[in-house]
Amino acid sequence: MITGLDHIQLAAPPGTEDALRAYYADLLGMTEVPKPPALAARGCWFEAGTARLHLGIEPDFRPSRKAHPGLRVHGIDAFAARLTAAGATVTWDDALPGHRRFYSVDPAGNRLEFLEPVA
C-alpha cells in the first residue's frame, strides 16, 4: 500500500550545484539538507514544508520537456514576481480548475509547476 510521496528526484548536468543552490535555496526559499555521506559528492537535496526535492548529477543530462514536479505555493503572484525579477521565465496556465498556476525552469532546464488552490 502506498502511503505517501517521499521525494521527487530531478537530474542536472555536472558542475551546476552552485547554480542549483542559488535557485532552490536563495530564490525559492527551500532549505538544503545534508545528504548521506555515500551520496554527498553528487548533487544536492532541498526541502520546504512537505516538499522534498533531490537533484542528482547525470553526466549525459537532457532536461525533460514535459515531466515536472508540481510545487504548491502560498502567495503565487508574489512568487511569480520574485522569479521574474530574477530573470526566470514564468508561463501562466489556467487549464487546471480550482487552481492558479504557472510553469518555469530551473538553471539546469528542469520544468517546474507552481500552483495555488483558489478559495
C-alpha atoms as a PDB file:
ATOM      1  CA  MET A   1       0.000   0.000   0.000  1.00  0.00           C
ATOM      2  CA  ILE A   2       1.415   3.426  -0.935  1.00  0.00           C
ATOM      3  CA  THR A   3       1.161   5.838   1.988  1.00  0.00           C
ATOM      4  CA  GLY A   4       2.650   8.997   0.534  1.00  0.00           C
ATOM      5  CA  LEU A   5       5.298  10.567  -1.620  1.00  0.00           C
ATOM      6  CA  ASP A   6       8.767  10.669  -0.079  1.00  0.00           C
ATOM      7  CA  HIS A   7      10.583  12.871  -2.608  1.00  0.00           C
ATOM      8  CA  ILE A   8      10.956  13.880  -6.234  1.00  0.00           C
ATOM      9  CA  GLN A   9      14.286  13.280  -7.997  1.00  0.00           C
ATOM     10  CA  LEU A  10      15.394  15.600 -10.789  1.00  0.00           C
ATOM     11  CA  ALA A  11      18.637  15.404 -12.703  1.00  0.00           C
ATOM     12  CA  ALA A  12      21.147  18.109 -13.579  1.00  0.00           C
ATOM     13  CA  PRO A  13      24.417  18.282 -15.511  1.00  0.00           C
ATOM     14  CA  PRO A  14      27.787  18.134 -13.741  1.00  0.00           C
ATOM     15  CA  GLY A  15      29.019  21.438 -12.328  1.00  0.00           C
ATOM     16  CA  THR A  16      25.591  23.012 -11.738  1.00  0.00           C
ATOM     17  CA  GLU A  17      25.360  22.518  -7.978  1.00  0.00           C
ATOM     18  CA  ASP A  18      26.153  26.164  -7.110  1.00  0.00           C
ATOM     19  CA  ALA A  19      23.534  27.462  -9.564  1.00  0.00           C
ATOM     20  CA  LEU A  20      21.012  24.951  -8.203  1.00  0.00           C
ATOM     21  CA  ARG A  21      21.715  26.058  -4.630  1.00  0.00           C
ATOM     22  CA  ALA A  22      21.251  29.710  -5.603  1.00  0.00           C
ATOM     23  CA  TYR A  23      17.960  28.881  -7.307  1.00  0.00           C
ATOM     24  CA  TYR A  24      16.367  26.405  -4.894  1.00  0.00           C
ATOM     25  CA  ALA A  25      17.661  27.843  -1.601  1.00  0.00           C
ATOM     26  CA  ASP A  26      18.129  31.550  -2.261  1.00  0.00           C
ATOM     27  CA  LEU A  27      15.384  32.217  -4.820  1.00  0.00           C
ATOM     28  CA  LEU A  28      12.742  29.607  -3.959  1.00  0.00           C
ATOM     29  CA  GLY A  29      13.434  29.665  -0.221  1.00  0.00           C
ATOM     30  CA  MET A  30      13.943  25.922   0.200  1.00  0.00           C
ATOM     31  CA  THR A  31      16.382  24.569   2.779  1.00  0.00           C
ATOM     32  CA  GLU A  32      19.311  22.463   1.642  1.00  0.00           C
ATOM     33  CA  VAL A  33      19.501  19.296   3.708  1.00  0.00           C
ATOM     34  CA  PRO A  34      22.578  17.120   4.244  1.00  0.00           C
ATOM     35  CA  LYS A  35      22.903  14.039   2.097  1.00  0.00           C
ATOM     36  CA  PRO A  36      24.155  10.693   3.400  1.00  0.00           C
ATOM     37  CA  PRO A  37      27.982  10.532   3.200  1.00  0.00           C
ATOM     38  CA  ALA A  38      27.945   7.955   0.389  1.00  0.00           C
ATOM     39  CA  LEU A  39      25.870  10.344  -1.764  1.00  0.00           C
ATOM     40  CA  ALA A  40      27.280  13.698  -0.630  1.00  0.00           C
ATOM     41  CA  ALA A  41      29.594  14.219  -3.625  1.00  0.00           C
ATOM     42  CA  ARG A  42      26.764  14.130  -6.199  1.00  0.00           C
ATOM     43  CA  GLY A  43      24.014  16.752  -6.366  1.00  0.00           C
ATOM     44  CA  CYS A  44      22.027  18.386  -3.590  1.00  0.00           C
ATOM     45  CA  TRP A  45      18.761  17.908  -1.680  1.00  0.00           C
ATOM     46  CA  PHE A  46      16.196  20.553  -0.662  1.00  0.00           C
ATOM     47  CA  GLU A  47      13.066  20.731   1.485  1.00  0.00           C
ATOM     48  CA  ALA A  48      10.236  23.188   2.123  1.00  0.00           C
ATOM     49  CA  GLY A  49       7.125  22.199   4.046  1.00  0.00           C
ATOM     50  CA  THR A  50       6.309  18.649   2.947  1.00  0.00           C
ATOM     51  CA  ALA A  51       8.118  19.043  -0.404  1.00  0.00           C
ATOM     52  CA  ARG A  52      11.380  17.123  -0.685  1.00  0.00           C
ATOM     53  CA  LEU A  53      13.382  17.569  -3.870  1.00  0.00           C
ATOM     54  CA  HIS A  54      16.565  15.664  -4.737  1.00  0.00           C
ATOM     55  CA  LEU A  55      18.800  16.870  -7.562  1.00  0.00           C
ATOM     56  CA  GLY A  56      21.210  14.248  -8.819  1.00  0.00           C
ATOM     57  CA  ILE A  57      24.054  14.713 -11.249  1.00  0.00           C
ATOM     58  CA  GLU A  58      23.693  12.984 -14.606  1.00  0.00           C
ATOM     59  CA  PRO A  59      26.697  13.187 -16.972  1.00  0.00           C
ATOM     60  CA  ASP A  60      24.603  12.999 -20.171  1.00  0.00           C
ATOM     61  CA  PHE A  61      21.773  15.182 -18.814  1.00  0.00           C
ATOM     62  CA  ARG A  62      18.902  16.325 -21.028  1.00  0.00           C
ATOM     63  CA  PRO A  63      16.006  18.182 -19.376  1.00  0.00           C
ATOM     64  CA  SER A  64      12.539  16.734 -19.864  1.00  0.00           C
ATOM     65  CA  ARG A  65      10.162  18.961 -21.791  1.00  0.00           C
ATOM     66  CA  LYS A  66       7.019  17.598 -20.117  1.00  0.00           C
ATOM     67  CA  ALA A  67       7.806  15.796 -16.839  1.00  0.00           C
ATOM     68  CA  HIS A  68       7.876  18.073 -13.787  1.00  0.00           C
ATOM     69  CA  PRO A  69       7.172  18.313 -10.074  1.00  0.00           C
ATOM     70  CA  GLY A  70       4.169  20.393  -9.016  1.00  0.00           C
ATOM     71  CA  LEU A  71       5.133  22.672  -6.119  1.00  0.00           C
ATOM     72  CA  ARG A  72       2.277  24.096  -4.062  1.00  0.00           C
ATOM     73  CA  VAL A  73       2.864  27.714  -3.043  1.00  0.00           C
ATOM     74  CA  HIS A  74       1.151  30.412  -0.993  1.00  0.00           C
ATOM     75  CA  GLY A  75       1.057  33.905  -2.490  1.00  0.00           C
ATOM     76  CA  ILE A  76       1.529  32.800  -6.097  1.00  0.00           C
ATOM     77  CA  ASP A  77       1.591  36.319  -7.556  1.00  0.00           C
ATOM     78  CA  ALA A  78       4.457  37.399  -5.297  1.00  0.00           C
ATOM     79  CA  PHE A  79       6.219  34.127  -6.049  1.00  0.00           C
ATOM     80  CA  ALA A  80       5.908  34.688  -9.802  1.00  0.00           C
ATOM     81  CA  ALA A  81       7.122  38.286  -9.424  1.00  0.00           C
ATOM     82  CA  ARG A  82      10.190  37.119  -7.478  1.00  0.00           C
ATOM     83  CA  LEU A  83      11.090  34.604 -10.186  1.00  0.00           C
ATOM     84  CA  THR A  84      10.524  37.145 -12.964  1.00  0.00           C
ATOM     85  CA  ALA A  85      12.681  39.734 -11.158  1.00  0.00           C
ATOM     86  CA  ALA A  86      15.467  37.137 -11.010  1.00  0.00           C
ATOM     87  CA  GLY A  87      15.284  36.646 -14.781  1.00  0.00           C
ATOM     88  CA  ALA A  88      13.307  33.394 -14.794  1.00  0.00           C
ATOM     89  CA  THR A  89      10.594  32.845 -17.372  1.00  0.00           C
ATOM     90  CA  VAL A  90       7.098  32.491 -15.898  1.00  0.00           C
ATOM     91  CA  THR A  91       4.385  30.984 -18.109  1.00  0.00           C
ATOM     92  CA  TRP A  92       0.872  31.151 -16.660  1.00  0.00           C
ATOM     93  CA  ASP A  93      -1.610  28.352 -17.401  1.00  0.00           C
ATOM     94  CA  ASP A  94      -5.304  28.484 -16.442  1.00  0.00           C
ATOM     95  CA  ALA A  95      -6.233  24.968 -17.604  1.00  0.00           C
ATOM     96  CA  LEU A  96      -6.417  23.369 -14.118  1.00  0.00           C
ATOM     97  CA  PRO A  97      -9.791  24.072 -12.474  1.00  0.00           C
ATOM     98  CA  GLY A  98      -9.631  25.313  -8.901  1.00  0.00           C
ATOM     99  CA  HIS A  99      -6.002  26.445  -9.143  1.00  0.00           C
ATOM    100  CA  ARG A 100      -3.819  29.299 -10.306  1.00  0.00           C
ATOM    101  CA  ARG A 101      -0.566  28.012 -11.713  1.00  0.00           C
ATOM    102  CA  PHE A 102       2.477  28.783 -13.790  1.00  0.00           C
ATOM    103  CA  TYR A 103       5.490  26.962 -15.168  1.00  0.00           C
ATOM    104  CA  SER A 104       9.157  27.923 -15.014  1.00  0.00           C
ATOM    105  CA  VAL A 105      12.512  26.174 -15.367  1.00  0.00           C
ATOM    106  CA  ASP A 106      15.462  25.808 -13.018  1.00  0.00           C
ATOM    107  CA  PRO A 107      19.080  26.622 -14.043  1.00  0.00           C
ATOM    108  CA  ALA A 108      19.501  23.083 -15.434  1.00  0.00           C
ATOM    109  CA  GLY A 109      16.389  23.368 -17.595  1.00  0.00           C
ATOM    110  CA  ASN A 110      14.092  21.216 -15.436  1.00  0.00           C
ATOM    111  CA  ARG A 111      10.429  22.177 -15.852  1.00  0.00           C
ATOM    112  CA  LEU A 112       8.685  23.150 -12.607  1.00  0.00           C
ATOM    113  CA  GLU A 113       4.988  23.783 -11.960  1.00  0.00           C
ATOM    114  CA  PHE A 114       3.980  26.211  -9.198  1.00  0.00           C
ATOM    115  CA  LEU A 115       0.344  26.096  -8.134  1.00  0.00           C
ATOM    116  CA  GLU A 116      -2.001  27.540  -5.543  1.00  0.00           C
ATOM    117  CA  PRO A 117      -5.587  26.375  -4.908  1.00  0.00           C
ATOM    118  CA  VAL A 118      -8.250  29.019  -5.448  1.00  0.00           C
ATOM    119  CA  ALA A 119     -10.532  29.533  -2.456  1.00  0.00           C
END
